[in-house]
Amino acid sequence: MLCTIYLLDEEGLRLRFAAGPKLPDAYRVATDGVHIGPRSVPAARRPTCASQSSWRDVMTHPHFAGFRDLLVQAGLRGRMVIPHYSHDGKVLGTFGMYSRAVRLPSPAEMQLIDYAGRIAGIAIERDRSKSALTFALEKIKKSEAELRQIVDVIPQAIVVMTPDGKSHLRKSRNN
C-alpha cells in the first residue's frame, strides 16, 4: 500500500498535495489542486470508520478518469479515500491508500487505515490551530505598534494603564 495526504485549501474547493513520497512525481503534480465535487475525490461524506465499499478500482471508477494513465504507469489499481475531519466535523483533507491489486483490505488493515486517518486529522487540526494562533499574535503585535505610533504623534500627555492598574504618564514628542 502507498499512502497520501491531501489538505483542503482555504476556500474549501481544492485538495492540495501534502504527503505521499512513494507516489510518482507526475501523479502528485497532476492531482495537486484537484477540485472537490461530484466528478472528483469525494470529501463530503463522513464514515464512522473506513468501509470496504469505499475501496475503488482506479480502472473503472469515474473519479480516476483523468488520472488513470498515470496510475496504471505506477502499477496502482485500487484506492481508498478517507476524509480527515476537525473536531467540529469540518473536512480538513483526505487520507488515501493505494494498492497494486484490486482487493478489499483485511479487517486489520481497515482498522489501521481508520486509525491513520483519525491521527492525520488530529495532526492537521493541531497544525492549523498553531498557525492561526501565530497569525493572530502577529496581528496583535502590528496593532500595538500602530497604536504606539498614534500615541507618539498626539501633542498631549497620555496616561497609559498597565493591567494591574498602575499608570504611567507618557508625553508626546511634540510637547
N, C-alpha and C. Protein backbone atom coordinates (compact mmCIF):
# COMPACT_ATOMS: atom_id res chain seq x y z
N MET A 1 0.84 -1.18 0.00
CA MET A 1 0.00 0.00 0.00
C MET A 1 0.88 1.24 0.00
N LEU A 2 0.44 2.26 -0.73
CA LEU A 2 1.07 3.57 -0.73
C LEU A 2 0.06 4.56 -0.14
N CYS A 3 0.54 5.50 0.63
CA CYS A 3 -0.36 6.46 1.30
C CYS A 3 -0.16 7.87 0.79
N THR A 4 -1.24 8.66 0.85
CA THR A 4 -1.18 10.08 0.52
C THR A 4 -2.00 10.86 1.53
N ILE A 5 -1.63 12.11 1.67
CA ILE A 5 -2.42 13.05 2.44
C ILE A 5 -2.60 14.29 1.57
N TYR A 6 -3.85 14.70 1.41
CA TYR A 6 -4.20 15.93 0.72
C TYR A 6 -4.92 16.82 1.72
N LEU A 7 -4.68 18.12 1.66
CA LEU A 7 -5.34 19.07 2.54
C LEU A 7 -6.29 19.94 1.72
N LEU A 8 -7.45 20.23 2.27
CA LEU A 8 -8.41 21.10 1.61
C LEU A 8 -7.90 22.54 1.71
N ASP A 9 -7.97 23.28 0.60
CA ASP A 9 -7.48 24.66 0.61
C ASP A 9 -8.43 25.54 1.42
N GLU A 10 -8.02 26.79 1.62
CA GLU A 10 -8.79 27.70 2.48
C GLU A 10 -10.19 27.97 1.96
N GLU A 11 -10.39 27.91 0.64
CA GLU A 11 -11.72 28.13 0.07
C GLU A 11 -12.59 26.88 0.18
N GLY A 12 -11.98 25.75 0.50
CA GLY A 12 -12.74 24.50 0.60
C GLY A 12 -13.12 23.90 -0.73
N LEU A 13 -12.39 24.26 -1.79
CA LEU A 13 -12.74 23.80 -3.14
C LEU A 13 -11.75 22.82 -3.75
N ARG A 14 -10.50 22.86 -3.31
CA ARG A 14 -9.45 22.04 -3.94
C ARG A 14 -8.66 21.29 -2.88
N LEU A 15 -8.17 20.12 -3.30
CA LEU A 15 -7.26 19.36 -2.45
C LEU A 15 -5.83 19.67 -2.87
N ARG A 16 -5.00 20.00 -1.91
CA ARG A 16 -3.59 20.29 -2.17
C ARG A 16 -2.75 19.13 -1.65
N PHE A 17 -1.81 18.67 -2.46
CA PHE A 17 -0.95 17.56 -2.09
C PHE A 17 -0.12 17.95 -0.87
N ALA A 18 -0.09 17.09 0.15
CA ALA A 18 0.68 17.36 1.37
C ALA A 18 1.74 16.29 1.62
N ALA A 19 1.42 15.02 1.37
CA ALA A 19 2.39 13.95 1.62
C ALA A 19 2.03 12.73 0.79
N GLY A 20 3.04 11.98 0.42
CA GLY A 20 2.90 10.76 -0.36
C GLY A 20 4.18 10.52 -1.13
N PRO A 21 5.28 10.39 -0.42
CA PRO A 21 6.60 10.36 -1.06
C PRO A 21 6.84 9.21 -2.02
N LYS A 22 6.07 8.14 -1.93
CA LYS A 22 6.33 6.99 -2.80
C LYS A 22 5.51 7.03 -4.09
N LEU A 23 4.62 8.00 -4.20
CA LEU A 23 3.85 8.13 -5.44
C LEU A 23 4.71 8.82 -6.50
N PRO A 24 4.51 8.48 -7.77
CA PRO A 24 5.28 9.12 -8.84
C PRO A 24 5.05 10.63 -8.86
N ASP A 25 6.11 11.37 -9.18
CA ASP A 25 6.01 12.83 -9.23
C ASP A 25 4.92 13.30 -10.19
N ALA A 26 4.80 12.65 -11.34
CA ALA A 26 3.81 13.06 -12.34
C ALA A 26 2.39 12.97 -11.76
N TYR A 27 2.11 11.94 -10.97
CA TYR A 27 0.79 11.79 -10.37
C TYR A 27 0.57 12.86 -9.30
N ARG A 28 1.59 13.10 -8.48
CA ARG A 28 1.46 14.14 -7.44
C ARG A 28 1.18 15.50 -8.06
N VAL A 29 1.91 15.84 -9.13
CA VAL A 29 1.71 17.13 -9.79
C VAL A 29 0.31 17.21 -10.40
N ALA A 30 -0.13 16.13 -11.05
CA ALA A 30 -1.43 16.12 -11.72
C ALA A 30 -2.59 16.23 -10.73
N THR A 31 -2.45 15.69 -9.54
CA THR A 31 -3.55 15.68 -8.59
C THR A 31 -3.53 16.86 -7.62
N ASP A 32 -2.42 17.59 -7.54
CA ASP A 32 -2.35 18.74 -6.64
C ASP A 32 -3.29 19.82 -7.14
N GLY A 33 -4.27 20.19 -6.34
CA GLY A 33 -5.23 21.22 -6.72
C GLY A 33 -6.50 20.69 -7.33
N VAL A 34 -6.74 19.37 -7.26
CA VAL A 34 -7.95 18.79 -7.83
C VAL A 34 -9.18 19.36 -7.11
N HIS A 35 -10.22 19.67 -7.90
CA HIS A 35 -11.46 20.20 -7.35
C HIS A 35 -12.23 19.12 -6.60
N ILE A 36 -12.90 19.52 -5.54
CA ILE A 36 -13.82 18.64 -4.83
C ILE A 36 -15.17 18.79 -5.51
N GLY A 37 -15.78 17.70 -5.85
CA GLY A 37 -17.09 17.77 -6.49
C GLY A 37 -17.57 16.41 -6.89
N PRO A 38 -18.71 16.37 -7.59
CA PRO A 38 -19.32 15.08 -7.92
C PRO A 38 -18.47 14.22 -8.85
N ARG A 39 -17.56 14.81 -9.64
CA ARG A 39 -16.73 14.02 -10.54
C ARG A 39 -15.29 13.92 -10.07
N SER A 40 -15.06 14.29 -8.84
CA SER A 40 -13.69 14.22 -8.31
C SER A 40 -13.69 13.47 -6.99
N VAL A 41 -12.64 13.64 -6.24
CA VAL A 41 -12.49 12.91 -4.97
C VAL A 41 -13.59 13.35 -4.00
N PRO A 42 -14.38 12.41 -3.48
CA PRO A 42 -15.45 12.79 -2.56
C PRO A 42 -14.90 13.05 -1.17
N ALA A 43 -15.06 14.26 -0.67
CA ALA A 43 -14.57 14.56 0.68
C ALA A 43 -15.70 15.03 1.57
N ALA A 44 -16.93 14.89 1.14
CA ALA A 44 -18.03 15.43 1.92
C ALA A 44 -18.75 14.40 2.78
N ARG A 45 -18.49 13.12 2.59
CA ARG A 45 -19.16 12.11 3.40
C ARG A 45 -18.30 11.74 4.59
N ARG A 46 -18.92 11.55 5.72
CA ARG A 46 -18.16 11.21 6.91
C ARG A 46 -18.48 9.78 7.35
N PRO A 47 -17.58 8.84 7.09
CA PRO A 47 -17.82 7.48 7.58
C PRO A 47 -17.47 7.40 9.05
N THR A 48 -18.13 6.51 9.77
CA THR A 48 -17.75 6.33 11.17
C THR A 48 -16.42 5.59 11.23
N CYS A 49 -16.14 4.80 10.24
CA CYS A 49 -14.82 4.17 10.08
C CYS A 49 -14.68 3.83 8.60
N ALA A 50 -13.49 3.45 8.21
CA ALA A 50 -13.27 3.10 6.80
C ALA A 50 -14.15 1.90 6.45
N SER A 51 -14.85 1.98 5.33
CA SER A 51 -15.71 0.86 4.93
C SER A 51 -15.17 0.23 3.66
N GLN A 52 -15.41 -1.05 3.50
CA GLN A 52 -14.92 -1.75 2.31
C GLN A 52 -15.58 -1.22 1.05
N SER A 53 -16.75 -0.64 1.18
CA SER A 53 -17.42 -0.10 -0.01
C SER A 53 -16.72 1.14 -0.53
N SER A 54 -15.80 1.73 0.25
CA SER A 54 -15.10 2.92 -0.21
C SER A 54 -13.85 2.57 -1.01
N TRP A 55 -13.57 1.27 -1.19
CA TRP A 55 -12.42 0.84 -1.99
C TRP A 55 -12.80 0.91 -3.46
N ARG A 56 -11.97 1.54 -4.29
CA ARG A 56 -12.30 1.76 -5.69
C ARG A 56 -11.27 1.15 -6.62
N ASP A 57 -11.74 0.61 -7.74
CA ASP A 57 -10.86 0.14 -8.81
C ASP A 57 -10.59 1.36 -9.68
N VAL A 58 -9.33 1.79 -9.75
CA VAL A 58 -8.99 3.01 -10.48
C VAL A 58 -9.21 2.86 -11.99
N MET A 59 -9.32 1.64 -12.48
CA MET A 59 -9.55 1.41 -13.91
C MET A 59 -11.00 1.63 -14.31
N THR A 60 -11.93 1.51 -13.38
CA THR A 60 -13.34 1.62 -13.73
C THR A 60 -14.07 2.77 -13.06
N HIS A 61 -13.58 3.27 -11.95
CA HIS A 61 -14.31 4.31 -11.22
C HIS A 61 -14.11 5.68 -11.88
N PRO A 62 -15.21 6.44 -12.07
CA PRO A 62 -15.13 7.72 -12.78
C PRO A 62 -14.26 8.79 -12.09
N HIS A 63 -14.06 8.70 -10.78
CA HIS A 63 -13.23 9.70 -10.09
C HIS A 63 -11.79 9.71 -10.60
N PHE A 64 -11.35 8.61 -11.19
CA PHE A 64 -9.95 8.49 -11.60
C PHE A 64 -9.75 8.60 -13.11
N ALA A 65 -10.80 8.98 -13.83
CA ALA A 65 -10.72 9.03 -15.30
C ALA A 65 -9.56 9.91 -15.78
N GLY A 66 -9.36 11.05 -15.18
CA GLY A 66 -8.31 11.96 -15.62
C GLY A 66 -6.91 11.54 -15.19
N PHE A 67 -6.81 10.57 -14.31
CA PHE A 67 -5.52 10.16 -13.76
C PHE A 67 -5.20 8.69 -14.04
N ARG A 68 -6.09 8.02 -14.76
CA ARG A 68 -5.98 6.57 -14.99
C ARG A 68 -4.63 6.18 -15.59
N ASP A 69 -4.18 6.87 -16.63
CA ASP A 69 -2.91 6.52 -17.28
C ASP A 69 -1.74 6.63 -16.30
N LEU A 70 -1.73 7.68 -15.49
CA LEU A 70 -0.66 7.86 -14.52
C LEU A 70 -0.67 6.75 -13.46
N LEU A 71 -1.87 6.36 -13.03
CA LEU A 71 -1.97 5.30 -12.03
C LEU A 71 -1.52 3.96 -12.61
N VAL A 72 -1.91 3.67 -13.84
CA VAL A 72 -1.51 2.41 -14.49
C VAL A 72 0.01 2.38 -14.65
N GLN A 73 0.62 3.50 -15.09
CA GLN A 73 2.07 3.57 -15.22
C GLN A 73 2.77 3.30 -13.89
N ALA A 74 2.14 3.72 -12.79
CA ALA A 74 2.71 3.50 -11.46
C ALA A 74 2.40 2.10 -10.93
N GLY A 75 1.59 1.35 -11.66
CA GLY A 75 1.23 0.00 -11.23
C GLY A 75 0.20 -0.03 -10.11
N LEU A 76 -0.61 1.01 -10.02
CA LEU A 76 -1.61 1.10 -8.96
C LEU A 76 -2.99 0.80 -9.52
N ARG A 77 -3.76 -0.02 -8.79
CA ARG A 77 -5.08 -0.44 -9.29
C ARG A 77 -6.22 -0.14 -8.33
N GLY A 78 -5.95 -0.04 -7.05
CA GLY A 78 -7.03 0.20 -6.10
C GLY A 78 -6.72 1.41 -5.24
N ARG A 79 -7.79 2.10 -4.82
CA ARG A 79 -7.60 3.26 -3.96
C ARG A 79 -8.77 3.40 -3.01
N MET A 80 -8.46 3.79 -1.80
CA MET A 80 -9.46 4.12 -0.79
C MET A 80 -9.16 5.52 -0.29
N VAL A 81 -10.18 6.33 -0.15
CA VAL A 81 -10.01 7.69 0.36
C VAL A 81 -10.87 7.85 1.61
N ILE A 82 -10.24 8.34 2.65
CA ILE A 82 -10.94 8.61 3.90
C ILE A 82 -10.77 10.09 4.22
N PRO A 83 -11.86 10.83 4.36
CA PRO A 83 -11.73 12.25 4.71
C PRO A 83 -11.18 12.43 6.12
N HIS A 84 -10.42 13.52 6.34
CA HIS A 84 -9.98 13.94 7.68
C HIS A 84 -11.01 14.96 8.15
N TYR A 85 -11.38 14.89 9.41
CA TYR A 85 -12.34 15.85 9.94
C TYR A 85 -11.77 16.55 11.16
N SER A 86 -12.19 17.80 11.33
CA SER A 86 -11.85 18.53 12.54
C SER A 86 -12.78 18.06 13.66
N HIS A 87 -12.52 18.52 14.86
CA HIS A 87 -13.35 18.11 15.99
C HIS A 87 -14.80 18.56 15.83
N ASP A 88 -15.02 19.62 15.01
CA ASP A 88 -16.38 20.11 14.81
C ASP A 88 -17.01 19.63 13.49
N GLY A 89 -16.38 18.63 12.85
CA GLY A 89 -16.98 17.99 11.68
C GLY A 89 -16.66 18.60 10.34
N LYS A 90 -15.77 19.58 10.28
CA LYS A 90 -15.40 20.17 9.00
C LYS A 90 -14.32 19.33 8.33
N VAL A 91 -14.43 19.20 7.00
CA VAL A 91 -13.44 18.43 6.25
C VAL A 91 -12.13 19.21 6.20
N LEU A 92 -11.02 18.55 6.55
CA LEU A 92 -9.70 19.16 6.51
C LEU A 92 -8.91 18.69 5.29
N GLY A 93 -9.19 17.47 4.84
CA GLY A 93 -8.45 16.89 3.73
C GLY A 93 -8.79 15.41 3.61
N THR A 94 -7.90 14.67 2.93
CA THR A 94 -8.13 13.24 2.76
C THR A 94 -6.88 12.44 3.04
N PHE A 95 -7.10 11.21 3.45
CA PHE A 95 -6.04 10.22 3.64
C PHE A 95 -6.32 9.13 2.60
N GLY A 96 -5.40 8.91 1.69
CA GLY A 96 -5.62 7.93 0.63
C GLY A 96 -4.66 6.75 0.74
N MET A 97 -5.17 5.58 0.40
CA MET A 97 -4.38 4.35 0.37
C MET A 97 -4.49 3.77 -1.04
N TYR A 98 -3.35 3.48 -1.65
CA TYR A 98 -3.30 2.89 -2.99
C TYR A 98 -2.73 1.49 -2.88
N SER A 99 -3.24 0.58 -3.71
CA SER A 99 -2.68 -0.77 -3.74
C SER A 99 -2.36 -1.15 -5.19
N ARG A 100 -1.52 -2.13 -5.33
CA ARG A 100 -1.12 -2.59 -6.66
C ARG A 100 -2.10 -3.61 -7.23
N ALA A 101 -3.05 -4.04 -6.42
CA ALA A 101 -4.06 -5.00 -6.86
C ALA A 101 -5.44 -4.50 -6.45
N VAL A 102 -6.46 -4.94 -7.19
CA VAL A 102 -7.83 -4.62 -6.81
C VAL A 102 -8.24 -5.68 -5.80
N ARG A 103 -8.27 -5.27 -4.57
CA ARG A 103 -8.64 -6.19 -3.49
C ARG A 103 -9.19 -5.39 -2.33
N LEU A 104 -9.99 -6.02 -1.55
CA LEU A 104 -10.50 -5.37 -0.35
C LEU A 104 -9.49 -5.54 0.78
N PRO A 105 -9.27 -4.50 1.56
CA PRO A 105 -8.36 -4.63 2.70
C PRO A 105 -8.93 -5.60 3.73
N SER A 106 -8.04 -6.22 4.47
CA SER A 106 -8.46 -7.12 5.54
C SER A 106 -9.05 -6.28 6.68
N PRO A 107 -9.77 -6.92 7.61
CA PRO A 107 -10.30 -6.16 8.75
C PRO A 107 -9.18 -5.45 9.55
N ALA A 108 -8.04 -6.09 9.69
CA ALA A 108 -6.92 -5.46 10.42
C ALA A 108 -6.41 -4.23 9.65
N GLU A 109 -6.32 -4.36 8.31
CA GLU A 109 -5.90 -3.21 7.50
C GLU A 109 -6.92 -2.09 7.58
N MET A 110 -8.20 -2.44 7.58
CA MET A 110 -9.25 -1.43 7.69
C MET A 110 -9.12 -0.65 8.99
N GLN A 111 -8.83 -1.38 10.07
CA GLN A 111 -8.67 -0.72 11.37
C GLN A 111 -7.47 0.22 11.36
N LEU A 112 -6.36 -0.24 10.77
CA LEU A 112 -5.16 0.61 10.67
C LEU A 112 -5.43 1.85 9.82
N ILE A 113 -6.14 1.67 8.71
CA ILE A 113 -6.48 2.80 7.84
C ILE A 113 -7.34 3.80 8.61
N ASP A 114 -8.32 3.31 9.33
CA ASP A 114 -9.18 4.19 10.11
C ASP A 114 -8.37 4.95 11.16
N TYR A 115 -7.50 4.26 11.89
CA TYR A 115 -6.66 4.92 12.91
C TYR A 115 -5.75 5.96 12.26
N ALA A 116 -5.13 5.59 11.15
CA ALA A 116 -4.21 6.52 10.48
C ALA A 116 -4.95 7.78 10.03
N GLY A 117 -6.16 7.61 9.50
CA GLY A 117 -6.95 8.76 9.08
C GLY A 117 -7.32 9.67 10.24
N ARG A 118 -7.66 9.07 11.37
CA ARG A 118 -8.02 9.87 12.54
C ARG A 118 -6.80 10.61 13.10
N ILE A 119 -5.67 9.93 13.15
CA ILE A 119 -4.44 10.56 13.65
C ILE A 119 -4.02 11.71 12.73
N ALA A 120 -4.11 11.49 11.43
CA ALA A 120 -3.77 12.56 10.48
C ALA A 120 -4.70 13.76 10.68
N GLY A 121 -5.99 13.52 10.90
CA GLY A 121 -6.93 14.62 11.14
C GLY A 121 -6.56 15.42 12.38
N ILE A 122 -6.17 14.73 13.45
CA ILE A 122 -5.76 15.42 14.68
C ILE A 122 -4.52 16.26 14.43
N ALA A 123 -3.53 15.69 13.73
CA ALA A 123 -2.29 16.41 13.45
C ALA A 123 -2.54 17.64 12.58
N ILE A 124 -3.39 17.50 11.58
CA ILE A 124 -3.70 18.62 10.68
C ILE A 124 -4.40 19.73 11.45
N GLU A 125 -5.38 19.36 12.26
CA GLU A 125 -6.11 20.38 13.01
C GLU A 125 -5.19 21.08 14.01
N ARG A 126 -4.29 20.35 14.63
CA ARG A 126 -3.34 20.96 15.57
C ARG A 126 -2.43 21.95 14.85
N ASP A 127 -1.92 21.56 13.68
CA ASP A 127 -1.05 22.45 12.91
C ASP A 127 -1.78 23.71 12.48
N ARG A 128 -3.02 23.55 12.04
CA ARG A 128 -3.80 24.72 11.60
C ARG A 128 -4.11 25.63 12.78
N SER A 129 -4.39 25.07 13.94
CA SER A 129 -4.64 25.89 15.13
C SER A 129 -3.40 26.67 15.52
N LYS A 130 -2.26 26.00 15.46
CA LYS A 130 -0.99 26.66 15.79
C LYS A 130 -0.73 27.81 14.81
N SER A 131 -0.96 27.59 13.53
CA SER A 131 -0.76 28.63 12.52
C SER A 131 -1.70 29.80 12.75
N ALA A 132 -2.96 29.52 13.10
CA ALA A 132 -3.93 30.58 13.36
C ALA A 132 -3.53 31.40 14.57
N LEU A 133 -3.03 30.76 15.61
CA LEU A 133 -2.57 31.48 16.80
C LEU A 133 -1.37 32.36 16.48
N THR A 134 -0.44 31.84 15.70
CA THR A 134 0.74 32.62 15.30
C THR A 134 0.32 33.84 14.50
N PHE A 135 -0.61 33.66 13.57
CA PHE A 135 -1.11 34.78 12.76
C PHE A 135 -1.79 35.82 13.65
N ALA A 136 -2.61 35.38 14.60
CA ALA A 136 -3.31 36.31 15.50
C ALA A 136 -2.31 37.10 16.35
N LEU A 137 -1.28 36.43 16.83
CA LEU A 137 -0.26 37.12 17.64
C LEU A 137 0.46 38.18 16.80
N GLU A 138 0.80 37.85 15.56
CA GLU A 138 1.45 38.82 14.67
C GLU A 138 0.54 40.03 14.42
N LYS A 139 -0.74 39.77 14.26
CA LYS A 139 -1.71 40.84 14.03
C LYS A 139 -1.82 41.75 15.26
N ILE A 140 -1.81 41.16 16.44
CA ILE A 140 -1.86 41.93 17.69
C ILE A 140 -0.61 42.80 17.82
N LYS A 141 0.56 42.23 17.53
CA LYS A 141 1.81 43.00 17.61
C LYS A 141 1.79 44.17 16.63
N LYS A 142 1.26 43.95 15.44
CA LYS A 142 1.19 45.02 14.44
C LYS A 142 0.24 46.11 14.92
N SER A 143 -0.90 45.73 15.49
CA SER A 143 -1.86 46.71 16.01
C SER A 143 -1.24 47.51 17.16
N GLU A 144 -0.50 46.84 18.01
CA GLU A 144 0.17 47.52 19.12
C GLU A 144 1.18 48.54 18.60
N ALA A 145 1.95 48.18 17.58
CA ALA A 145 2.93 49.11 17.01
C ALA A 145 2.24 50.31 16.39
N GLU A 146 1.12 50.08 15.70
CA GLU A 146 0.37 51.19 15.11
C GLU A 146 -0.19 52.11 16.18
N LEU A 147 -0.68 51.54 17.27
CA LEU A 147 -1.20 52.35 18.38
C LEU A 147 -0.08 53.18 19.00
N ARG A 148 1.08 52.60 19.16
CA ARG A 148 2.23 53.35 19.71
C ARG A 148 2.57 54.53 18.81
N GLN A 149 2.54 54.34 17.50
CA GLN A 149 2.83 55.44 16.57
C GLN A 149 1.80 56.55 16.72
N ILE A 150 0.53 56.19 16.85
CA ILE A 150 -0.53 57.19 17.02
C ILE A 150 -0.31 57.97 18.31
N VAL A 151 -0.03 57.25 19.40
CA VAL A 151 0.18 57.89 20.70
C VAL A 151 1.39 58.82 20.64
N ASP A 152 2.43 58.41 19.95
CA ASP A 152 3.65 59.21 19.89
C ASP A 152 3.47 60.53 19.14
N VAL A 153 2.52 60.63 18.24
CA VAL A 153 2.34 61.87 17.48
C VAL A 153 1.26 62.78 18.05
N ILE A 154 0.51 62.35 19.04
CA ILE A 154 -0.52 63.18 19.65
C ILE A 154 0.17 64.23 20.53
N PRO A 155 -0.16 65.52 20.34
CA PRO A 155 0.53 66.58 21.10
C PRO A 155 -0.07 66.80 22.49
N GLN A 156 -0.33 65.76 23.20
CA GLN A 156 -0.88 65.83 24.54
C GLN A 156 -0.20 64.79 25.42
N ALA A 157 -0.38 64.93 26.72
CA ALA A 157 0.10 63.91 27.64
C ALA A 157 -0.96 62.81 27.67
N ILE A 158 -0.50 61.59 27.73
CA ILE A 158 -1.41 60.43 27.75
C ILE A 158 -1.04 59.56 28.93
N VAL A 159 -2.04 59.07 29.62
CA VAL A 159 -1.81 58.15 30.72
C VAL A 159 -2.04 56.75 30.19
N VAL A 160 -1.04 55.90 30.36
CA VAL A 160 -1.14 54.51 29.94
C VAL A 160 -1.26 53.66 31.19
N MET A 161 -2.31 52.84 31.23
CA MET A 161 -2.56 52.00 32.40
C MET A 161 -2.06 50.58 32.12
N THR A 162 -1.38 50.00 33.09
CA THR A 162 -0.95 48.61 32.99
C THR A 162 -2.10 47.72 33.42
N PRO A 163 -2.05 46.43 33.14
CA PRO A 163 -3.15 45.54 33.53
C PRO A 163 -3.43 45.53 35.03
N ASP A 164 -2.41 45.83 35.85
CA ASP A 164 -2.62 45.83 37.31
C ASP A 164 -3.11 47.18 37.82
N GLY A 165 -3.40 48.13 36.92
CA GLY A 165 -3.97 49.41 37.30
C GLY A 165 -2.98 50.53 37.56
N LYS A 166 -1.70 50.29 37.42
CA LYS A 166 -0.71 51.34 37.61
C LYS A 166 -0.69 52.22 36.37
N SER A 167 -0.48 53.51 36.60
CA SER A 167 -0.46 54.42 35.46
C SER A 167 0.95 54.93 35.22
N HIS A 168 1.20 55.21 33.97
CA HIS A 168 2.47 55.77 33.55
C HIS A 168 2.15 56.94 32.65
N LEU A 169 2.70 58.10 32.99
CA LEU A 169 2.49 59.28 32.17
C LEU A 169 3.40 59.18 30.97
N ARG A 170 2.83 59.37 29.81
CA ARG A 170 3.61 59.31 28.58
C ARG A 170 3.44 60.64 27.86
N LYS A 171 4.52 61.32 27.66
CA LYS A 171 4.47 62.62 27.00
C LYS A 171 4.76 62.43 25.52
N SER A 172 4.06 63.19 24.73
CA SER A 172 4.27 63.15 23.29
C SER A 172 5.56 63.86 22.96
N ARG A 173 6.18 63.47 21.87
CA ARG A 173 7.41 64.13 21.38
C ARG A 173 7.13 65.58 20.99
N ASN A 174 5.88 65.85 20.69
CA ASN A 174 5.54 67.19 20.24
C ASN A 174 5.41 68.19 21.39
N ASN A 175 5.47 67.74 22.63
CA ASN A 175 5.37 68.64 23.80
C ASN A 175 6.70 69.20 24.17
